[in-house]
Every structure is written in structure tokens, then in C-alpha cells.
Amino acid sequence: MENSYVIAMPYEFFIRRAFNCGYNEHQSKNAYFKNLIDTERGADLRSTVGSYDKQLKEIKKNIEKAILKFLKSKPTIEEKAGLEKMLTQLPFLYSTNEILSLLEFGLEITNRYK
């Protein structure tokens, strides 16, 4: 099984890129997504970070804020279309793999902001 810390990095990269911020500003720390992955894999973290659904809601909220931040940063037509597509897909994602695919797409389309 792959290391959940490494798998969670696209979450941190996407949030930090959107806000041009440091580690754990705007809840960018990959530990948030790592906890979600670990919970999905069966770890019982309810006493420390809450249920899977609670964590998922927070992660999605943070990703949505990042997408909206990118949309305010004068994206190109292609970037805007991709970001808007992400916004419409986000509410329908329920697994960490689905969210990771979305984040990888987001990192691709926002590559110029690195």
C-alpha cells in the first residue's frame, strides 16, 4: 500500500499554489488529506479528526476555495474552463481517488502559477 503522506501531496500543492502561501496556511497541509485517505483505508480517526464525511466536507470546501481563488486571478480561457469544470465535478466526488484525479487535473491546468 502506498504511503498516504506522499499520495496526499497534490492537495497541498494545489491549495498552496492557489493562495501562494506557506505550509498549512489556508488549511493546505497535506496531513488533512492524508487523514482522509487513512480513514478511507479503515483507520479509526474519529476521535481526533472526525468522521470520513466530516473530513470529506472540509477537504472539498478547501478545494472549492482554492478553485475560486484561481478564478479571481485572471485565468486564461482554457484555465477558466478547466477550473469551472472542476467546480461542477467537485460536489459529486466521494472517494480520495476521485479527488486526487481532480487535483492532478487542477495542477496541470494551473501549472503557470507554480
Protein backbone atom coordinates (compact mmCIF):
# COMPACT_ATOMS: atom_id res chain seq x y z
CA MET A 1 0.00 0.00 0.00
CA GLU A 2 1.37 3.37 -0.98
CA ASN A 3 2.34 5.90 1.65
CA SER A 4 -0.68 8.14 2.27
CA TYR A 5 1.60 11.10 3.10
CA VAL A 6 3.06 11.04 -0.42
CA ILE A 7 -0.31 10.39 -2.05
CA ALA A 8 -1.76 13.46 -0.30
CA MET A 9 0.79 15.92 -1.71
CA PRO A 10 -1.31 17.12 -4.70
CA TYR A 11 -3.81 18.51 -2.18
CA GLU A 12 -1.12 20.62 -0.50
CA PHE A 13 0.39 21.72 -3.83
CA PHE A 14 -2.98 22.80 -5.24
CA ILE A 15 -4.04 24.81 -2.18
CA ARG A 16 -0.62 26.43 -1.74
CA ARG A 17 -0.45 27.31 -5.43
CA ALA A 18 -3.90 28.91 -5.37
CA PHE A 19 -3.14 31.11 -2.38
CA ASN A 20 0.60 31.44 -2.97
CA CYS A 21 1.00 30.56 0.67
CA GLY A 22 3.23 28.63 3.01
CA TYR A 23 2.80 25.32 4.73
CA ASN A 24 -0.58 24.98 6.48
CA GLU A 25 -1.91 28.39 5.55
CA HIS A 26 -5.47 28.08 4.20
CA GLN A 27 -5.53 24.51 5.57
CA SER A 28 -3.08 23.46 2.88
CA LYS A 29 -1.13 20.96 4.98
CA ASN A 30 -1.28 17.57 3.29
CA ALA A 31 -1.99 15.94 6.68
CA TYR A 32 -5.66 16.91 6.21
CA PHE A 33 -5.91 14.86 3.03
CA LYS A 34 -3.66 12.13 4.47
CA ASN A 35 -6.11 11.70 7.34
CA LEU A 36 -8.96 11.34 4.85
CA ILE A 37 -7.02 8.68 2.92
CA ASP A 38 -6.18 6.82 6.10
CA THR A 39 -9.80 6.96 7.29
CA GLU A 40 -10.97 5.66 3.91
CA ARG A 41 -8.48 2.80 4.29
CA GLY A 42 -10.02 1.84 7.62
CA ALA A 43 -8.14 3.84 10.26
CA ASP A 44 -10.37 4.98 13.10
CA LEU A 45 -9.52 8.66 13.47
CA ARG A 46 -12.98 9.82 14.54
CA SER A 47 -11.81 10.92 17.99
CA THR A 48 -9.12 13.19 16.54
CA VAL A 49 -10.31 14.38 13.13
CA GLY A 50 -13.94 13.32 12.86
CA SER A 51 -15.84 11.03 10.55
CA TYR A 52 -14.97 10.41 6.92
CA ASP A 53 -17.94 12.53 5.85
CA LYS A 54 -16.88 15.43 8.06
CA GLN A 55 -13.31 15.31 6.73
CA LEU A 56 -14.52 14.99 3.14
CA LYS A 57 -16.73 18.05 3.53
CA GLU A 58 -13.77 20.11 4.84
CA ILE A 59 -11.43 18.93 2.09
CA LYS A 60 -13.98 19.75 -0.61
CA LYS A 61 -14.59 23.18 0.94
CA ASN A 62 -10.84 23.92 0.90
CA ILE A 63 -10.51 22.78 -2.71
CA GLU A 64 -13.51 24.88 -3.71
CA LYS A 65 -11.96 27.96 -2.08
CA ALA A 66 -8.74 27.33 -4.00
CA ILE A 67 -10.60 26.98 -7.30
CA LEU A 68 -12.47 30.22 -6.65
CA LYS A 69 -9.17 31.93 -5.81
CA PHE A 70 -7.71 30.78 -9.14
CA LEU A 71 -10.82 32.04 -10.95
CA LYS A 72 -10.21 35.51 -9.45
CA SER A 73 -6.62 35.56 -10.68
CA LYS A 74 -7.38 36.34 -14.33
CA PRO A 75 -7.03 32.81 -15.74
CA THR A 76 -6.71 32.18 -19.45
CA ILE A 77 -9.80 30.95 -21.31
CA GLU A 78 -8.53 27.35 -21.09
CA GLU A 79 -7.69 27.65 -17.39
CA LYS A 80 -11.09 29.20 -16.65
CA ALA A 81 -12.91 26.41 -18.49
CA GLY A 82 -10.93 23.75 -16.62
CA LEU A 83 -11.45 25.40 -13.24
CA GLU A 84 -15.18 25.77 -13.86
CA LYS A 85 -15.30 22.09 -14.85
CA MET A 86 -13.59 21.25 -11.55
CA LEU A 87 -16.18 23.29 -9.64
CA THR A 88 -19.05 21.40 -11.23
CA GLN A 89 -17.45 17.98 -10.62
CA LEU A 90 -16.33 18.57 -7.01
CA PRO A 91 -19.72 18.07 -5.30
CA PHE A 92 -20.07 14.62 -6.88
CA LEU A 93 -16.73 13.21 -5.70
CA TYR A 94 -16.77 10.85 -2.75
CA SER A 95 -13.50 8.91 -2.79
CA THR A 96 -9.94 10.06 -2.31
CA ASN A 97 -9.00 8.61 -5.70
CA GLU A 98 -11.66 10.73 -7.41
CA ILE A 99 -10.45 13.83 -5.57
CA LEU A 100 -6.82 13.05 -6.42
CA SER A 101 -7.72 12.85 -10.12
CA LEU A 102 -9.41 16.22 -9.86
CA LEU A 103 -6.41 17.72 -8.06
CA GLU A 104 -3.97 16.34 -10.62
CA PHE A 105 -6.09 17.89 -13.38
CA GLY A 106 -6.11 21.15 -11.41
CA LEU A 107 -2.34 21.13 -11.04
CA GLU A 108 -1.99 20.58 -14.78
CA ILE A 109 -4.21 23.48 -15.75
CA THR A 110 -2.71 25.84 -13.19
CA ASN A 111 0.90 24.94 -13.97
CA ARG A 112 1.86 28.54 -14.83
CA TYR A 113 1.10 29.60 -11.25
CA LYS A 114 3.87 27.47 -9.72
